[in-house]
Amino acid sequence: RKKRVESEGDAAKRWADKWGFLKTPLEELIGDEKKEDAKPKIQLPDHLQVRPVTPVEKYIKVLPSPPVPKTTQGFIGWRSGVPGLALEHDYQIQSCKG
C-alpha cells in the first residue's frame, strides 16, 4: 500500500510537466489560430444552377374519392376500382410467355 501512495504522489508532482497544457484556457488556444478568409461566391453558369422545385400538384392530380363503402368488404379496392383513380396510369401487364 505504501508504494502505491508514493507512486500516486510522484504522479501528482509530474502531472503539471506532462499534462499542464490541458489547463490552458480555450480562448487562448483559439486566439492563436489563423482565421481563414471567407471564400467569394462564384456565379455558376445557367446549365449548372439548381432549378427551383416543381410543386407536386403540377404533375400529380388527386381526384376526390367515391363515397366510403358501408361494409368492410367494400373497402377492398374501393378507390382503385374507379379507372380515374387508379394508381397505375397507362400501364399494361405483359406476359413473358408471349
N, C-alpha and C. Protein backbone atom coordinates (compact mmCIF):
# COMPACT_ATOMS: atom_id res chain seq x y z
N ARG A 1 0.82 -1.19 0.00
CA ARG A 1 0.00 0.00 0.00
C ARG A 1 0.87 1.26 0.00
N LYS A 2 1.95 1.24 0.72
CA LYS A 2 2.78 2.43 0.84
C LYS A 2 3.38 2.81 -0.52
N LYS A 3 3.79 1.81 -1.30
CA LYS A 3 4.35 2.10 -2.62
C LYS A 3 3.30 2.73 -3.54
N ARG A 4 2.08 2.25 -3.43
CA ARG A 4 1.00 2.81 -4.25
C ARG A 4 0.79 4.28 -3.92
N VAL A 5 0.78 4.62 -2.64
CA VAL A 5 0.59 6.01 -2.22
C VAL A 5 1.75 6.86 -2.69
N GLU A 6 2.97 6.34 -2.60
CA GLU A 6 4.14 7.09 -3.06
C GLU A 6 4.09 7.32 -4.57
N SER A 7 3.70 6.29 -5.32
CA SER A 7 3.65 6.45 -6.78
C SER A 7 2.56 7.45 -7.18
N GLU A 8 1.45 7.48 -6.44
CA GLU A 8 0.41 8.48 -6.72
C GLU A 8 0.93 9.88 -6.42
N GLY A 9 1.69 10.04 -5.36
CA GLY A 9 2.26 11.34 -5.03
C GLY A 9 3.25 11.80 -6.09
N ASP A 10 4.09 10.86 -6.57
CA ASP A 10 5.04 11.20 -7.64
C ASP A 10 4.30 11.58 -8.92
N ALA A 11 3.25 10.85 -9.24
CA ALA A 11 2.47 11.14 -10.45
C ALA A 11 1.83 12.52 -10.34
N ALA A 12 1.36 12.88 -9.15
CA ALA A 12 0.75 14.20 -8.96
C ALA A 12 1.78 15.30 -9.17
N LYS A 13 3.02 15.07 -8.74
CA LYS A 13 4.08 16.08 -8.93
C LYS A 13 4.46 16.22 -10.40
N ARG A 14 4.48 15.09 -11.13
CA ARG A 14 4.88 15.12 -12.54
C ARG A 14 3.74 15.51 -13.48
N TRP A 15 2.52 15.59 -12.98
CA TRP A 15 1.35 15.85 -13.83
C TRP A 15 1.48 17.17 -14.57
N ALA A 16 1.91 18.22 -13.87
CA ALA A 16 1.99 19.55 -14.50
C ALA A 16 2.98 19.55 -15.66
N ASP A 17 4.08 18.80 -15.53
CA ASP A 17 5.06 18.75 -16.63
C ASP A 17 4.49 18.03 -17.85
N LYS A 18 3.74 16.97 -17.62
CA LYS A 18 3.22 16.17 -18.74
C LYS A 18 1.92 16.73 -19.31
N TRP A 19 1.01 17.12 -18.42
CA TRP A 19 -0.35 17.45 -18.86
C TRP A 19 -0.76 18.88 -18.53
N GLY A 20 0.16 19.73 -18.20
CA GLY A 20 -0.16 21.11 -17.83
C GLY A 20 -0.80 21.90 -18.96
N PHE A 21 -0.54 21.50 -20.21
CA PHE A 21 -1.12 22.22 -21.35
C PHE A 21 -2.64 22.12 -21.36
N LEU A 22 -3.19 21.14 -20.67
CA LEU A 22 -4.65 20.99 -20.64
C LEU A 22 -5.31 22.10 -19.82
N LYS A 23 -4.54 22.79 -18.98
CA LYS A 23 -5.10 23.85 -18.15
C LYS A 23 -5.17 25.18 -18.89
N THR A 24 -4.65 25.24 -20.13
CA THR A 24 -4.69 26.47 -20.91
C THR A 24 -6.13 26.79 -21.28
N PRO A 25 -6.59 28.04 -21.07
CA PRO A 25 -7.98 28.39 -21.41
C PRO A 25 -8.25 28.24 -22.91
N LEU A 26 -9.47 27.88 -23.25
CA LEU A 26 -9.85 27.65 -24.64
C LEU A 26 -9.70 28.92 -25.48
N GLU A 27 -10.05 30.07 -24.91
CA GLU A 27 -9.95 31.33 -25.66
C GLU A 27 -8.51 31.60 -26.10
N GLU A 28 -7.56 31.25 -25.23
CA GLU A 28 -6.15 31.46 -25.57
C GLU A 28 -5.71 30.54 -26.70
N LEU A 29 -6.20 29.30 -26.68
CA LEU A 29 -5.84 28.36 -27.75
C LEU A 29 -6.45 28.78 -29.08
N ILE A 30 -7.69 29.22 -29.07
CA ILE A 30 -8.37 29.61 -30.30
C ILE A 30 -7.79 30.91 -30.84
N GLY A 31 -7.37 31.80 -29.96
CA GLY A 31 -6.82 33.08 -30.39
C GLY A 31 -5.56 32.94 -31.22
N ASP A 32 -4.80 31.87 -31.00
CA ASP A 32 -3.56 31.66 -31.75
C ASP A 32 -3.80 31.21 -33.18
N GLU A 33 -4.95 30.59 -33.44
CA GLU A 33 -5.21 30.07 -34.78
C GLU A 33 -5.50 31.20 -35.75
N LYS A 34 -5.11 31.00 -36.98
CA LYS A 34 -5.38 31.98 -38.02
C LYS A 34 -6.81 31.78 -38.52
N LYS A 35 -7.51 32.88 -38.69
CA LYS A 35 -8.87 32.78 -39.23
C LYS A 35 -8.78 32.84 -40.74
N GLU A 36 -9.44 31.88 -41.39
CA GLU A 36 -9.42 31.83 -42.85
C GLU A 36 -10.39 32.86 -43.41
N ASP A 37 -9.98 33.48 -44.51
CA ASP A 37 -10.85 34.43 -45.17
C ASP A 37 -12.00 33.69 -45.82
N ALA A 38 -13.16 34.31 -45.81
CA ALA A 38 -14.33 33.71 -46.45
C ALA A 38 -14.11 33.68 -47.96
N LYS A 39 -14.37 32.54 -48.55
CA LYS A 39 -14.18 32.40 -49.99
C LYS A 39 -15.29 33.15 -50.73
N PRO A 40 -14.95 33.87 -51.77
CA PRO A 40 -16.00 34.57 -52.52
C PRO A 40 -16.88 33.58 -53.27
N LYS A 41 -18.15 33.91 -53.35
CA LYS A 41 -19.09 33.05 -54.07
C LYS A 41 -18.85 33.17 -55.56
N ILE A 42 -18.84 32.05 -56.25
CA ILE A 42 -18.65 32.02 -57.69
C ILE A 42 -20.01 31.84 -58.35
N GLN A 43 -20.30 32.67 -59.32
CA GLN A 43 -21.57 32.55 -60.04
C GLN A 43 -21.49 31.37 -61.00
N LEU A 44 -22.38 30.41 -60.85
CA LEU A 44 -22.39 29.23 -61.71
C LEU A 44 -23.06 29.54 -63.03
N PRO A 45 -22.65 28.85 -64.09
CA PRO A 45 -23.35 29.01 -65.37
C PRO A 45 -24.79 28.49 -65.25
N ASP A 46 -25.64 28.93 -66.17
CA ASP A 46 -27.06 28.58 -66.10
C ASP A 46 -27.30 27.07 -66.12
N HIS A 47 -26.52 26.33 -66.90
CA HIS A 47 -26.77 24.89 -67.01
C HIS A 47 -26.33 24.12 -65.76
N LEU A 48 -25.59 24.75 -64.86
CA LEU A 48 -25.16 24.07 -63.63
C LEU A 48 -25.95 24.52 -62.40
N GLN A 49 -26.79 25.52 -62.53
CA GLN A 49 -27.55 26.01 -61.38
C GLN A 49 -28.69 25.06 -61.05
N VAL A 50 -29.04 25.03 -59.77
CA VAL A 50 -30.13 24.17 -59.30
C VAL A 50 -31.45 24.82 -59.69
N ARG A 51 -32.30 24.02 -60.30
CA ARG A 51 -33.61 24.53 -60.73
C ARG A 51 -34.56 24.57 -59.54
N PRO A 52 -35.52 25.48 -59.56
CA PRO A 52 -36.49 25.51 -58.47
C PRO A 52 -37.36 24.25 -58.49
N VAL A 53 -37.82 23.86 -57.33
CA VAL A 53 -38.61 22.64 -57.19
C VAL A 53 -39.99 22.84 -57.81
N THR A 54 -40.41 21.85 -58.62
CA THR A 54 -41.74 21.89 -59.21
C THR A 54 -42.75 21.45 -58.16
N PRO A 55 -43.83 22.19 -57.96
CA PRO A 55 -44.81 21.75 -56.96
C PRO A 55 -45.44 20.42 -57.35
N VAL A 56 -45.71 19.60 -56.35
CA VAL A 56 -46.25 18.26 -56.57
C VAL A 56 -47.61 18.34 -57.26
N GLU A 57 -48.38 19.35 -56.96
CA GLU A 57 -49.73 19.46 -57.53
C GLU A 57 -49.70 19.60 -59.04
N LYS A 58 -48.57 20.00 -59.60
CA LYS A 58 -48.50 20.21 -61.04
C LYS A 58 -48.49 18.88 -61.80
N TYR A 59 -47.82 17.86 -61.26
CA TYR A 59 -47.72 16.60 -62.00
C TYR A 59 -48.44 15.44 -61.34
N ILE A 60 -48.99 15.60 -60.14
CA ILE A 60 -49.80 14.56 -59.51
C ILE A 60 -51.17 15.15 -59.23
N LYS A 61 -52.17 14.61 -59.88
CA LYS A 61 -53.55 15.08 -59.69
C LYS A 61 -54.30 14.05 -58.85
N VAL A 62 -54.84 14.48 -57.72
CA VAL A 62 -55.60 13.60 -56.86
C VAL A 62 -57.07 13.99 -56.98
N LEU A 63 -57.84 13.09 -57.55
CA LEU A 63 -59.28 13.33 -57.72
C LEU A 63 -60.01 12.94 -56.44
N PRO A 64 -61.19 13.49 -56.20
CA PRO A 64 -61.94 13.12 -55.00
C PRO A 64 -62.36 11.66 -55.04
N SER A 65 -62.36 11.04 -53.89
CA SER A 65 -62.71 9.62 -53.79
C SER A 65 -64.21 9.43 -53.90
N PRO A 66 -64.63 8.22 -54.33
CA PRO A 66 -66.06 7.90 -54.28
C PRO A 66 -66.49 7.79 -52.82
N PRO A 67 -67.79 7.76 -52.56
CA PRO A 67 -68.24 7.67 -51.17
C PRO A 67 -67.69 6.43 -50.47
N VAL A 68 -67.46 6.56 -49.18
CA VAL A 68 -66.90 5.46 -48.39
C VAL A 68 -67.91 4.32 -48.34
N PRO A 69 -67.46 3.08 -48.61
CA PRO A 69 -68.38 1.93 -48.58
C PRO A 69 -68.95 1.70 -47.18
N LYS A 70 -70.14 1.12 -47.15
CA LYS A 70 -70.80 0.87 -45.87
C LYS A 70 -70.33 -0.43 -45.23
N THR A 71 -69.79 -1.35 -46.02
CA THR A 71 -69.34 -2.63 -45.48
C THR A 71 -67.82 -2.71 -45.56
N THR A 72 -67.25 -3.56 -44.72
CA THR A 72 -65.80 -3.72 -44.74
C THR A 72 -65.35 -4.42 -46.02
N GLN A 73 -66.18 -5.27 -46.59
CA GLN A 73 -65.81 -5.94 -47.84
C GLN A 73 -65.73 -4.92 -48.97
N GLY A 74 -66.53 -3.88 -48.90
CA GLY A 74 -66.50 -2.86 -49.93
C GLY A 74 -65.22 -2.02 -49.91
N PHE A 75 -64.49 -2.05 -48.78
CA PHE A 75 -63.24 -1.29 -48.70
C PHE A 75 -62.17 -1.84 -49.62
N ILE A 76 -62.24 -3.12 -49.97
CA ILE A 76 -61.22 -3.74 -50.80
C ILE A 76 -61.34 -3.19 -52.21
N GLY A 77 -60.38 -2.40 -52.60
CA GLY A 77 -60.33 -1.83 -53.94
C GLY A 77 -61.35 -0.76 -54.21
N TRP A 78 -61.92 -0.13 -53.19
CA TRP A 78 -62.98 0.86 -53.42
C TRP A 78 -62.47 2.10 -54.13
N ARG A 79 -61.21 2.43 -53.97
CA ARG A 79 -60.68 3.60 -54.66
C ARG A 79 -60.02 3.21 -55.98
N SER A 80 -59.33 2.08 -56.01
CA SER A 80 -58.63 1.69 -57.23
C SER A 80 -59.56 1.05 -58.25
N GLY A 81 -60.79 0.76 -57.86
CA GLY A 81 -61.74 0.18 -58.81
C GLY A 81 -62.26 1.20 -59.81
N VAL A 82 -62.14 2.47 -59.50
CA VAL A 82 -62.57 3.53 -60.41
C VAL A 82 -61.40 3.85 -61.34
N PRO A 83 -61.59 3.77 -62.67
CA PRO A 83 -60.46 3.96 -63.59
C PRO A 83 -59.75 5.31 -63.43
N GLY A 84 -60.47 6.36 -63.12
CA GLY A 84 -59.84 7.67 -62.97
C GLY A 84 -58.97 7.79 -61.73
N LEU A 85 -59.19 6.92 -60.76
CA LEU A 85 -58.44 6.98 -59.51
C LEU A 85 -57.38 5.89 -59.41
N ALA A 86 -57.14 5.18 -60.49
CA ALA A 86 -56.17 4.08 -60.47
C ALA A 86 -54.77 4.62 -60.20
N LEU A 87 -53.97 3.84 -59.48
CA LEU A 87 -52.61 4.26 -59.17
C LEU A 87 -51.68 4.10 -60.37
N GLU A 88 -51.91 3.10 -61.19
CA GLU A 88 -51.09 2.88 -62.37
C GLU A 88 -51.82 3.45 -63.58
N HIS A 89 -51.24 4.46 -64.20
CA HIS A 89 -51.83 5.07 -65.39
C HIS A 89 -51.11 4.54 -66.63
N ASP A 90 -51.86 4.20 -67.65
CA ASP A 90 -51.30 3.71 -68.92
C ASP A 90 -50.30 2.59 -68.68
N TYR A 91 -50.70 1.61 -67.90
CA TYR A 91 -49.80 0.52 -67.55
C TYR A 91 -50.44 -0.79 -67.99
N GLN A 92 -49.69 -1.56 -68.78
CA GLN A 92 -50.19 -2.86 -69.23
C GLN A 92 -49.29 -3.95 -68.68
N ILE A 93 -49.90 -5.04 -68.26
CA ILE A 93 -49.13 -6.18 -67.80
C ILE A 93 -48.79 -7.02 -69.02
N GLN A 94 -47.51 -7.25 -69.23
CA GLN A 94 -47.08 -8.05 -70.37
C GLN A 94 -46.53 -9.37 -69.86
N SER A 95 -47.03 -10.44 -70.41
CA SER A 95 -46.57 -11.75 -70.00
C SER A 95 -45.31 -12.12 -70.77
N CYS A 96 -44.39 -12.76 -70.10
CA CYS A 96 -43.16 -13.16 -70.78
C CYS A 96 -43.39 -14.40 -71.66
N LYS A 97 -44.58 -15.04 -71.53
CA LYS A 97 -44.86 -16.22 -72.33
C LYS A 97 -45.35 -15.85 -73.72
N GLY A 98 -45.58 -14.59 -73.97
CA GLY A 98 -45.95 -14.18 -75.31
C GLY A 98 -47.39 -14.03 -75.44
